[in-house]
């Protein structure tokens, strides 16, 4: 079992070395992660906008269906 774990860890390390990371290794501090933080902000803003869009239309459809099915 430990042989498999060591082999897996070695394979993961070799693949991570091949990966292209979204930061410049020469930068220091938070500047190093500028692209990563910018992408995270874009994703969070998109999630909020999409969530608001879905909530708005859900509210509208609930009221329309409730109005049409009211006795």
PDB file of N, CA and C in Angstrom:
ATOM      1  N   UNK A   1       0.816  -1.189   0.000  1.00  0.00           N
ATOM      2  CA  UNK A   1       0.000   0.000   0.000  1.00  0.00           C
ATOM      3  C   UNK A   1       0.865   1.260   0.000  1.00  0.00           C
ATOM      4  N   UNK A   2       1.947   1.243   0.780  1.00  0.00           N
ATOM      5  CA  UNK A   2       2.811   2.418   0.831  1.00  0.00           C
ATOM      6  C   UNK A   2       3.553   2.633  -0.481  1.00  0.00           C
ATOM      7  N   UNK A   3       3.823   1.548  -1.217  1.00  0.00           N
ATOM      8  CA  UNK A   3       4.459   1.688  -2.530  1.00  0.00           C
ATOM      9  C   UNK A   3       3.529   2.437  -3.490  1.00  0.00           C
ATOM     10  N   UNK A   4       2.253   2.081  -3.451  1.00  0.00           N
ATOM     11  CA  UNK A   4       1.276   2.743  -4.315  1.00  0.00           C
ATOM     12  C   UNK A   4       1.144   4.216  -3.954  1.00  0.00           C
ATOM     13  N   UNK A   5       1.154   4.509  -2.666  1.00  0.00           N
ATOM     14  CA  UNK A   5       1.051   5.892  -2.211  1.00  0.00           C
ATOM     15  C   UNK A   5       2.268   6.708  -2.645  1.00  0.00           C
ATOM     16  N   UNK A   6       3.456   6.129  -2.507  1.00  0.00           N
ATOM     17  CA  UNK A   6       4.676   6.825  -2.962  1.00  0.00           C
ATOM     18  C   UNK A   6       4.667   7.039  -4.467  1.00  0.00           C
ATOM     19  N   UNK A   7       4.228   6.035  -5.209  1.00  0.00           N
ATOM     20  CA  UNK A   7       4.158   6.150  -6.668  1.00  0.00           C
ATOM     21  C   UNK A   7       3.162   7.242  -7.060  1.00  0.00           C
ATOM     22  N   UNK A   8       1.999   7.254  -6.412  1.00  0.00           N
ATOM     23  CA  UNK A   8       0.987   8.270  -6.695  1.00  0.00           C
ATOM     24  C   UNK A   8       1.537   9.663  -6.406  1.00  0.00           C
ATOM     25  N   UNK A   9       2.186   9.834  -5.260  1.00  0.00           N
ATOM     26  CA  UNK A   9       2.752  11.129  -4.893  1.00  0.00           C
ATOM     27  C   UNK A   9       3.807  11.572  -5.890  1.00  0.00           C
ATOM     28  N   UNK A  10       4.644  10.672  -6.320  1.00  0.00           N
ATOM     29  CA  UNK A  10       5.680  11.002  -7.305  1.00  0.00           C
ATOM     30  C   UNK A  10       5.049  11.415  -8.634  1.00  0.00           C
ATOM     31  N   UNK A  11       4.011  10.714  -9.054  1.00  0.00           N
ATOM     32  CA  UNK A  11       3.337  11.063 -10.304  1.00  0.00           C
ATOM     33  C   UNK A  11       2.657  12.428 -10.209  1.00  0.00           C
ATOM     34  N   UNK A  12       2.047  12.709  -9.075  1.00  0.00           N
ATOM     35  CA  UNK A  12       1.395  14.009  -8.886  1.00  0.00           C
ATOM     36  C   UNK A  12       2.437  15.119  -8.945  1.00  0.00           C
ATOM     37  N   UNK A  13       3.553  14.936  -8.277  1.00  0.00           N
ATOM     38  CA  UNK A  13       4.619  15.951  -8.307  1.00  0.00           C
ATOM     39  C   UNK A  13       5.132  16.179  -9.724  1.00  0.00           C
ATOM     40  N   UNK A  14       5.322  15.105 -10.471  1.00  0.00           N
ATOM     41  CA  UNK A  14       5.835  15.264 -11.840  1.00  0.00           C
ATOM     42  C   UNK A  14       4.828  16.002 -12.718  1.00  0.00           C
ATOM     43  N   UNK A  15       3.539  15.766 -12.514  1.00  0.00           N
ATOM     44  CA  UNK A  15       2.527  16.487 -13.288  1.00  0.00           C
ATOM     45  C   UNK A  15       2.439  17.949 -12.868  1.00  0.00           C
ATOM     46  N   UNK A  16       2.581  18.243 -11.575  1.00  0.00           N
ATOM     47  CA  UNK A  16       2.527  19.626 -11.109  1.00  0.00           C
ATOM     48  C   UNK A  16       3.703  20.446 -11.635  1.00  0.00           C
ATOM     49  N   UNK A  17       4.835  19.812 -11.844  1.00  0.00           N
ATOM     50  CA  UNK A  17       5.989  20.518 -12.414  1.00  0.00           C
ATOM     51  C   UNK A  17       5.692  20.931 -13.853  1.00  0.00           C
ATOM     52  N   UNK A  18       4.928  20.109 -14.567  1.00  0.00           N
ATOM     53  CA  UNK A  18       4.590  20.403 -15.965  1.00  0.00           C
ATOM     54  C   UNK A  18       3.533  21.496 -16.094  1.00  0.00           C
ATOM     55  N   UNK A  19       2.765  21.722 -15.036  1.00  0.00           N
ATOM     56  CA  UNK A  19       1.655  22.670 -15.095  1.00  0.00           C
ATOM     57  C   UNK A  19       2.153  24.099 -15.274  1.00  0.00           C
ATOM     58  N   UNK A  20       1.352  24.895 -15.942  1.00  0.00           N
ATOM     59  CA  UNK A  20       1.661  26.311 -16.114  1.00  0.00           C
ATOM     60  C   UNK A  20       0.831  27.079 -15.088  1.00  0.00           C
ATOM     61  N   UNK A  21       1.494  27.703 -14.135  1.00  0.00           N
ATOM     62  CA  UNK A  21       0.821  28.387 -13.049  1.00  0.00           C
ATOM     63  C   UNK A  21       0.528  29.828 -13.431  1.00  0.00           C
ATOM     64  N   UNK A  22      -0.572  30.398 -12.944  1.00  0.00           N
ATOM     65  CA  UNK A  22      -0.996  31.737 -13.378  1.00  0.00           C
ATOM     66  C   UNK A  22      -0.277  32.873 -12.659  1.00  0.00           C
ATOM     67  N   UNK A  23       0.965  32.705 -12.293  1.00  0.00           N
ATOM     68  CA  UNK A  23       1.704  33.793 -11.666  1.00  0.00           C
ATOM     69  C   UNK A  23       3.162  33.747 -12.069  1.00  0.00           C
ATOM     70  N   UNK A  24       3.810  34.876 -11.905  1.00  0.00           N
ATOM     71  CA  UNK A  24       5.215  35.012 -12.242  1.00  0.00           C
ATOM     72  C   UNK A  24       6.045  34.607 -11.023  1.00  0.00           C
ATOM     73  N   UNK A  25       6.912  33.618 -11.146  1.00  0.00           N
ATOM     74  CA  UNK A  25       7.678  33.169  -9.985  1.00  0.00           C
ATOM     75  C   UNK A  25       8.652  34.228  -9.451  1.00  0.00           C
ATOM     76  N   UNK A  26       8.933  35.269 -10.228  1.00  0.00           N
ATOM     77  CA  UNK A  26       9.858  36.308  -9.780  1.00  0.00           C
ATOM     78  C   UNK A  26       9.178  37.355  -8.901  1.00  0.00           C
ATOM     79  N   UNK A  27       7.852  37.437  -8.952  1.00  0.00           N
ATOM     80  CA  UNK A  27       7.116  38.413  -8.145  1.00  0.00           C
ATOM     81  C   UNK A  27       7.065  37.949  -6.697  1.00  0.00           C
ATOM     82  N   UNK A  28       6.908  38.928  -5.809  1.00  0.00           N
ATOM     83  CA  UNK A  28       6.824  38.623  -4.381  1.00  0.00           C
ATOM     84  C   UNK A  28       5.504  39.139  -3.819  1.00  0.00           C
ATOM     85  N   UNK A  29       5.036  38.561  -2.745  1.00  0.00           N
ATOM     86  CA  UNK A  29       3.842  39.031  -2.060  1.00  0.00           C
ATOM     87  C   UNK A  29       2.573  38.785  -2.860  1.00  0.00           C
ATOM     88  N   UNK A  30       1.579  39.675  -2.633  1.00  0.00           N
ATOM     89  CA  UNK A  30       0.279  39.509  -3.285  1.00  0.00           C
ATOM     90  C   UNK A  30       0.327  39.836  -4.770  1.00  0.00           C
ATOM     91  N   UNK A  31       1.332  40.576  -5.231  1.00  0.00           N
ATOM     92  CA  UNK A  31       1.450  40.860  -6.666  1.00  0.00           C
ATOM     93  C   UNK A  31       1.615  39.567  -7.448  1.00  0.00           C
ATOM     94  N   UNK A  32       2.181  38.571  -6.804  1.00  0.00           N
ATOM     95  CA  UNK A  32       2.420  37.291  -7.457  1.00  0.00           C
ATOM     96  C   UNK A  32       1.098  36.641  -7.874  1.00  0.00           C
ATOM     97  N   UNK A  33       0.048  36.874  -7.117  1.00  0.00           N
ATOM     98  CA  UNK A  33      -1.234  36.220  -7.360  1.00  0.00           C
ATOM     99  C   UNK A  33      -2.253  37.155  -8.001  1.00  0.00           C
ATOM    100  N   UNK A  34      -1.819  38.194  -8.691  1.00  0.00           N
ATOM    101  CA  UNK A  34      -2.713  39.195  -9.283  1.00  0.00           C
ATOM    102  C   UNK A  34      -3.726  38.551 -10.227  1.00  0.00           C
ATOM    103  N   UNK A  35      -3.265  37.744 -11.149  1.00  0.00           N
ATOM    104  CA  UNK A  35      -4.173  37.108 -12.120  1.00  0.00           C
ATOM    105  C   UNK A  35      -5.147  36.174 -11.413  1.00  0.00           C
ATOM    106  N   UNK A  36      -4.662  35.475 -10.413  1.00  0.00           N
ATOM    107  CA  UNK A  36      -5.517  34.552  -9.673  1.00  0.00           C
ATOM    108  C   UNK A  36      -6.608  35.299  -8.914  1.00  0.00           C
ATOM    109  N   UNK A  37      -6.265  36.396  -8.244  1.00  0.00           N
ATOM    110  CA  UNK A  37      -7.272  37.159  -7.510  1.00  0.00           C
ATOM    111  C   UNK A  37      -8.244  37.845  -8.465  1.00  0.00           C
ATOM    112  N   UNK A  38      -7.747  38.342  -9.584  1.00  0.00           N
ATOM    113  CA  UNK A  38      -8.639  38.966 -10.568  1.00  0.00           C
ATOM    114  C   UNK A  38      -9.652  37.948 -11.110  1.00  0.00           C
ATOM    115  N   UNK A  39      -9.185  36.752 -11.402  1.00  0.00           N
ATOM    116  CA  UNK A  39     -10.087  35.716 -11.907  1.00  0.00           C
ATOM    117  C   UNK A  39     -11.110  35.319 -10.849  1.00  0.00           C
ATOM    118  N   UNK A  40     -10.687  35.259  -9.598  1.00  0.00           N
ATOM    119  CA  UNK A  40     -11.600  34.913  -8.512  1.00  0.00           C
ATOM    120  C   UNK A  40     -12.682  35.970  -8.366  1.00  0.00           C
ATOM    121  N   UNK A  41     -12.315  37.237  -8.465  1.00  0.00           N
ATOM    122  CA  UNK A  41     -13.291  38.319  -8.366  1.00  0.00           C
ATOM    123  C   UNK A  41     -14.293  38.235  -9.513  1.00  0.00           C
ATOM    124  N   UNK A  42     -13.825  37.955 -10.710  1.00  0.00           N
ATOM    125  CA  UNK A  42     -14.723  37.833 -11.863  1.00  0.00           C
ATOM    126  C   UNK A  42     -15.716  36.700 -11.638  1.00  0.00           C
ATOM    127  N   UNK A  43     -15.255  35.580 -11.137  1.00  0.00           N
ATOM    128  CA  UNK A  43     -16.143  34.440 -10.891  1.00  0.00           C
ATOM    129  C   UNK A  43     -17.169  34.782  -9.818  1.00  0.00           C
ATOM    130  N   UNK A  44     -16.745  35.432  -8.734  1.00  0.00           N
ATOM    131  CA  UNK A  44     -17.675  35.790  -7.664  1.00  0.00           C
ATOM    132  C   UNK A  44     -18.735  36.784  -8.142  1.00  0.00           C
ATOM    133  N   UNK A  45     -18.335  37.771  -8.917  1.00  0.00           N
ATOM    134  CA  UNK A  45     -19.286  38.745  -9.449  1.00  0.00           C
ATOM    135  C   UNK A  45     -20.274  38.063 -10.395  1.00  0.00           C
ATOM    136  N   UNK A  46     -19.787  37.172 -11.234  1.00  0.00           N
ATOM    137  CA  UNK A  46     -20.670  36.448 -12.153  1.00  0.00           C
ATOM    138  C   UNK A  46     -21.665  35.588 -11.379  1.00  0.00           C
ATOM    139  N   UNK A  47     -21.217  34.970 -10.284  1.00  0.00           N
ATOM    140  CA  UNK A  47     -22.125  34.158  -9.467  1.00  0.00           C
ATOM    141  C   UNK A  47     -23.220  35.012  -8.841  1.00  0.00           C
ATOM    142  N   UNK A  48     -22.877  36.188  -8.352  1.00  0.00           N
ATOM    143  CA  UNK A  48     -23.869  37.068  -7.741  1.00  0.00           C
ATOM    144  C   UNK A  48     -24.874  37.546  -8.782  1.00  0.00           C
ATOM    145  N   UNK A  49     -24.392  37.936  -9.951  1.00  0.00           N
ATOM    146  CA  UNK A  49     -25.292  38.401 -11.015  1.00  0.00           C
ATOM    147  C   UNK A  49     -26.213  37.276 -11.469  1.00  0.00           C
ATOM    148  N   UNK A  50     -25.669  36.098 -11.698  1.00  0.00           N
ATOM    149  CA  UNK A  50     -26.490  34.963 -12.124  1.00  0.00           C
ATOM    150  C   UNK A  50     -27.485  34.566 -11.040  1.00  0.00           C
ATOM    151  N   UNK A  51     -27.057  34.588  -9.790  1.00  0.00           N
ATOM    152  CA  UNK A  51     -27.962  34.270  -8.689  1.00  0.00           C
ATOM    153  C   UNK A  51     -29.100  35.266  -8.599  1.00  0.00           C
ATOM    154  N   UNK A  52     -28.803  36.553  -8.770  1.00  0.00           N
ATOM    155  CA  UNK A  52     -29.849  37.574  -8.760  1.00  0.00           C
ATOM    156  C   UNK A  52     -30.823  37.402  -9.913  1.00  0.00           C
ATOM    157  N   UNK A  53     -30.294  37.086 -11.077  1.00  0.00           N
ATOM    158  CA  UNK A  53     -31.122  36.860 -12.267  1.00  0.00           C
ATOM    159  C   UNK A  53     -32.085  35.698 -12.034  1.00  0.00           C
ATOM    160  N   UNK A  54     -31.562  34.605 -11.522  1.00  0.00           N
ATOM    161  CA  UNK A  54     -32.395  33.427 -11.272  1.00  0.00           C
ATOM    162  C   UNK A  54     -33.425  33.718 -10.186  1.00  0.00           C
ATOM    163  N   UNK A  55     -33.006  34.395  -9.113  1.00  0.00           N
ATOM    164  CA  UNK A  55     -33.939  34.716  -8.023  1.00  0.00           C
ATOM    165  C   UNK A  55     -35.054  35.638  -8.512  1.00  0.00           C
ATOM    166  N   UNK A  56     -34.724  36.606  -9.347  1.00  0.00           N
ATOM    167  CA  UNK A  56     -35.721  37.530  -9.879  1.00  0.00           C
ATOM    168  C   UNK A  56     -36.778  36.787 -10.692  1.00  0.00           C
ATOM    169  N   UNK A  57     -36.334  35.964 -11.636  1.00  0.00           N
ATOM    170  CA  UNK A  57     -37.297  35.254 -12.471  1.00  0.00           C
ATOM    171  C   UNK A  57     -38.043  34.177 -11.699  1.00  0.00           C
ATOM    172  N   UNK A  58     -37.430  33.599 -10.696  1.00  0.00           N
ATOM    173  CA  UNK A  58     -38.127  32.648  -9.843  1.00  0.00           C
ATOM    174  C   UNK A  58     -39.259  33.354  -9.098  1.00  0.00           C
ATOM    175  N   UNK A  59     -38.987  34.530  -8.568  1.00  0.00           N
ATOM    176  CA  UNK A  59     -39.997  35.318  -7.876  1.00  0.00           C
ATOM    177  C   UNK A  59     -41.152  35.669  -8.811  1.00  0.00           C
ATOM    178  N   UNK A  60     -40.822  36.110 -10.015  1.00  0.00           N
ATOM    179  CA  UNK A  60     -41.855  36.466 -10.999  1.00  0.00           C
ATOM    180  C   UNK A  60     -42.698  35.244 -11.354  1.00  0.00           C
ATOM    181  N   UNK A  61     -42.061  34.125 -11.651  1.00  0.00           N
ATOM    182  CA  UNK A  61     -42.808  32.925 -12.041  1.00  0.00           C
ATOM    183  C   UNK A  61     -43.666  32.390 -10.898  1.00  0.00           C
ATOM    184  N   UNK A  62     -43.181  32.445  -9.668  1.00  0.00           N
ATOM    185  CA  UNK A  62     -43.991  32.000  -8.531  1.00  0.00           C
ATOM    186  C   UNK A  62     -45.254  32.846  -8.427  1.00  0.00           C
ATOM    187  N   UNK A  63     -45.118  34.160  -8.584  1.00  0.00           N
ATOM    188  CA  UNK A  63     -46.289  35.031  -8.496  1.00  0.00           C
ATOM    189  C   UNK A  63     -47.238  34.842  -9.664  1.00  0.00           C
ATOM    190  N   UNK A  64     -46.734  34.647 -10.865  1.00  0.00           N
ATOM    191  CA  UNK A  64     -47.603  34.433 -12.029  1.00  0.00           C
ATOM    192  C   UNK A  64     -48.367  33.122 -11.889  1.00  0.00           C
ATOM    193  N   UNK A  65     -47.666  32.058 -11.522  1.00  0.00           N
ATOM    194  CA  UNK A  65     -48.330  30.756 -11.353  1.00  0.00           C
ATOM    195  C   UNK A  65     -49.322  30.824 -10.198  1.00  0.00           C
ATOM    196  N   UNK A  66     -48.963  31.490  -9.113  1.00  0.00           N
ATOM    197  CA  UNK A  66     -49.881  31.649  -7.991  1.00  0.00           C
ATOM    198  C   UNK A  66     -51.113  32.431  -8.393  1.00  0.00           C
ATOM    199  N   UNK A  67     -50.957  33.457  -9.211  1.00  0.00           N
ATOM    200  CA  UNK A  67     -52.110  34.255  -9.673  1.00  0.00           C
ATOM    201  C   UNK A  67     -53.010  33.424 -10.566  1.00  0.00           C
ATOM    202  N   UNK A  68     -52.405  32.639 -11.461  1.00  0.00           N
ATOM    203  CA  UNK A  68     -53.207  31.841 -12.407  1.00  0.00           C
ATOM    204  C   UNK A  68     -53.905  30.661 -11.739  1.00  0.00           C
ATOM    205  N   UNK A  69     -53.366  30.143 -10.661  1.00  0.00           N
ATOM    206  CA  UNK A  69     -53.963  28.973 -10.013  1.00  0.00           C
ATOM    207  C   UNK A  69     -54.798  29.329  -8.799  1.00  0.00           C
ATOM    208  N   UNK A  70     -54.932  30.605  -8.490  1.00  0.00           N
ATOM    209  CA  UNK A  70     -55.735  31.030  -7.347  1.00  0.00           C
ATOM    210  C   UNK A  70     -57.204  30.781  -7.650  1.00  0.00           C
ATOM    211  N   UNK A  71     -57.976  30.207  -6.683  1.00  0.00           N
ATOM    212  CA  UNK A  71     -59.391  29.903  -6.965  1.00  0.00           C
ATOM    213  C   UNK A  71     -60.254  31.127  -7.013  1.00  0.00           C
TER     214      UNK A  71
END
